[in-house]
C-alpha atoms as a PDB file:
ATOM      1  CA  MET A   1     112.534 100.174 105.539  1.00  0.00           C
ATOM      2  CA  ASP A   2     114.684 103.241 106.273  1.00  0.00           C
ATOM      3  CA  TYR A   3     117.405 104.141 103.807  1.00  0.00           C
ATOM      4  CA  PHE A   4     119.129 107.249 102.569  1.00  0.00           C
ATOM      5  CA  VAL A   5     117.588 109.095  99.597  1.00  0.00           C
ATOM      6  CA  PRO A   6     119.877 111.641  98.024  1.00  0.00           C
ATOM      7  CA  ASN A   7     118.449 115.116  97.224  1.00  0.00           C
ATOM      8  CA  PHE A   8     119.828 116.372  93.961  1.00  0.00           C
ATOM      9  CA  GLY A   9     117.652 119.462  94.021  1.00  0.00           C
ATOM     10  CA  MET A  10     114.963 120.485  91.559  1.00  0.00           C
ATOM     11  CA  ASP A  11     115.045 118.725  88.197  1.00  0.00           C
ATOM     12  CA  ARG A  12     116.424 121.023  85.503  1.00  0.00           C
ATOM     13  CA  ASP A  13     113.404 120.471  83.224  1.00  0.00           C
ATOM     14  CA  ILE A  14     111.111 121.717  85.963  1.00  0.00           C
ATOM     15  CA  LYS A  15     113.374 124.650  86.628  1.00  0.00           C
ATOM     16  CA  TRP A  16     113.454 125.583  82.909  1.00  0.00           C
ATOM     17  CA  SER A  17     109.653 125.194  82.604  1.00  0.00           C
ATOM     18  CA  GLU A  18     109.132 127.607  85.469  1.00  0.00           C
ATOM     19  CA  GLU A  19     111.518 130.105  83.875  1.00  0.00           C
ATOM     20  CA  ASP A  20     109.782 129.693  80.495  1.00  0.00           C
ATOM     21  CA  GLU A  21     106.397 130.271  82.116  1.00  0.00           C
ATOM     22  CA  LYS A  22     107.560 133.555  83.564  1.00  0.00           C
ATOM     23  CA  VAL A  23     108.826 134.687  80.130  1.00  0.00           C
ATOM     24  CA  ALA A  24     105.577 133.604  78.457  1.00  0.00           C
ATOM     25  CA  SER A  25     103.467 135.377  81.055  1.00  0.00           C
ATOM     26  CA  ALA A  26     105.451 138.544  80.481  1.00  0.00           C
ATOM     27  CA  LEU A  27     105.108 138.260  76.699  1.00  0.00           C
ATOM     28  CA  VAL A  28     101.326 137.883  76.756  1.00  0.00           C
ATOM     29  CA  GLY A  29     100.741 140.167  79.691  1.00  0.00           C
ATOM     30  CA  HIS A  30      98.744 137.570  81.640  1.00  0.00           C
ATOM     31  CA  ALA A  31      99.787 135.416  84.570  1.00  0.00           C
ATOM     32  CA  TRP A  32      98.224 132.254  85.912  1.00  0.00           C
ATOM     33  CA  ALA A  33      95.938 132.823  88.959  1.00  0.00           C
ATOM     34  CA  PHE A  34      95.388 129.619  90.896  1.00  0.00           C
ATOM     35  CA  LYS A  35      93.246 129.394  94.017  1.00  0.00           C
ATOM     36  CA  THR A  36      92.312 133.050  94.019  1.00  0.00           C
ATOM     37  CA  PRO A  37      88.728 134.032  94.809  1.00  0.00           C
ATOM     38  CA  GLU A  38      88.140 135.026  91.172  1.00  0.00           C
ATOM     39  CA  SER A  39      89.440 131.747  89.752  1.00  0.00           C
ATOM     40  CA  TRP A  40      87.619 129.759  92.363  1.00  0.00           C
ATOM     41  CA  GLU A  41      84.348 131.325  91.432  1.00  0.00           C
ATOM     42  CA  LYS A  42      84.934 130.941  87.709  1.00  0.00           C
ATOM     43  CA  TRP A  43      86.085 127.345  87.741  1.00  0.00           C
ATOM     44  CA  ARG A  44      84.394 125.778  90.764  1.00  0.00           C
ATOM     45  CA  ASN A  45      82.221 122.687  90.421  1.00  0.00           C
ATOM     46  CA  ARG A  46      78.703 124.023  90.794  1.00  0.00           C
ATOM     47  CA  ALA A  47      77.230 120.522  90.971  1.00  0.00           C
ATOM     48  CA  LYS A  48      78.691 120.198  94.490  1.00  0.00           C
ATOM     49  CA  ASP A  49      76.465 123.093  95.577  1.00  0.00           C
ATOM     50  CA  ALA A  50      73.377 120.952  95.200  1.00  0.00           C
ATOM     51  CA  GLU A  51      72.196 118.650  97.956  1.00  0.00           C
ATOM     52  CA  TYR A  52      71.620 115.136  96.594  1.00  0.00           C
ATOM     53  CA  ASN A  53      69.751 112.345  98.335  1.00  0.00           C
ATOM     54  CA  PHE A  54      71.895 109.297  97.734  1.00  0.00           C
ATOM     55  CA  ASN A  55      69.719 107.146  99.973  1.00  0.00           C
ATOM     56  CA  MET A  56      66.363 107.455  98.237  1.00  0.00           C
ATOM     57  CA  ASP A  57      63.497 105.115  98.954  1.00  0.00           C
ATOM     58  CA  LEU A  58      62.509 102.885  96.050  1.00  0.00           C
ATOM     59  CA  SER A  59      59.246 103.582  94.285  1.00  0.00           C
ATOM     60  CA  GLU A  60      56.285 101.357  95.055  1.00  0.00           C
ATOM     61  CA  ASP A  61      56.713  99.562  91.686  1.00  0.00           C
ATOM     62  CA  MET A  62      60.298  98.649  92.453  1.00  0.00           C
ATOM     63  CA  GLN A  63      59.415  97.532  95.958  1.00  0.00           C
ATOM     64  CA  ALA A  64      56.672  95.272  94.491  1.00  0.00           C
ATOM     65  CA  SER A  65      59.071  93.888  91.881  1.00  0.00           C
ATOM     66  CA  LEU A  66      61.669  93.037  94.487  1.00  0.00           C
ATOM     67  CA  THR A  67      59.022  91.346  96.627  1.00  0.00           C
ATOM     68  CA  ASN A  68      57.781  89.304  93.641  1.00  0.00           C
ATOM     69  CA  MET A  69      61.278  88.360  92.666  1.00  0.00           C
ATOM     70  CA  LYS A  70      62.092  87.141  96.241  1.00  0.00           C
ATOM     71  CA  PHE A  71      58.804  85.173  96.325  1.00  0.00           C
ATOM     72  CA  ALA A  72      59.616  83.551  92.971  1.00  0.00           C
ATOM     73  CA  GLU A  73      63.156  82.663  93.998  1.00  0.00           C
ATOM     74  CA  ASP A  74      61.920  81.151  97.283  1.00  0.00           C
ATOM     75  CA  THR A  75      59.287  79.089  95.382  1.00  0.00           C
ATOM     76  CA  VAL A  76      61.883  77.754  92.982  1.00  0.00           C
ATOM     77  CA  LYS A  77      64.285  76.827  95.771  1.00  0.00           C
ATOM     78  CA  LYS A  78      61.583  75.018  97.743  1.00  0.00           C
ATOM     79  CA  SER A  79      60.632  72.954  94.709  1.00  0.00           C
ATOM     80  CA  GLY A  80      64.283  71.830  94.322  1.00  0.00           C
ATOM     81  CA  PHE A  81      64.463  73.184  90.758  1.00  0.00           C
ATOM     82  CA  ASP A  82      67.996  74.299  89.773  1.00  0.00           C
ATOM     83  CA  VAL A  83      67.708  77.472  87.754  1.00  0.00           C
ATOM     84  CA  GLN A  84      71.169  76.858  86.326  1.00  0.00           C
ATOM     85  CA  ASP A  85      70.194  73.443  85.011  1.00  0.00           C
ATOM     86  CA  LEU A  86      69.120  74.077  81.387  1.00  0.00           C
ATOM     87  CA  LYS A  87      67.953  70.462  80.969  1.00  0.00           C
ATOM     88  CA  GLY A  88      65.142  71.200  83.440  1.00  0.00           C
ATOM     89  CA  VAL A  89      64.036  74.200  81.338  1.00  0.00           C
ATOM     90  CA  GLU A  90      63.992  72.005  78.254  1.00  0.00           C
ATOM     91  CA  ASP A  91      61.796  69.494  80.026  1.00  0.00           C
ATOM     92  CA  ILE A  92      59.318  72.292  80.938  1.00  0.00           C
ATOM     93  CA  LEU A  93      59.269  73.617  77.367  1.00  0.00           C
ATOM     94  CA  LYS A  94      58.520  70.155  75.956  1.00  0.00           C
ATOM     95  CA  LYS A  95      55.321  69.881  78.003  1.00  0.00           C
END
C-alpha cells in the first residue's frame, strides 16, 4: 500500500543526544572511533578467523549406534508392536 508519510525531521531527543555526546567527548578528551582499522582490530570477533567443519562425519561408534537403532525400529515395526502402547510393555514385564 502506498501512502504519504510525513517527515518531521530528526527527533529532538536524538539531536540532543548527539550534542551531548560531542560535549562529553570534549570534556574527557576522547572521541568514539567506530569502524576504524584500530577499533576493528581491537574488537573484531576472532572466532570467525577459524575454519570450522560444520559437516563432520560421525564417529564409528555413532554410525554403529544409528545402524542398531534403525534395525531395532524396523524389527519392532515388523512385529506390529506399538512402542507408544504402554499396555504392551506391561505385558512384557509380567512375563
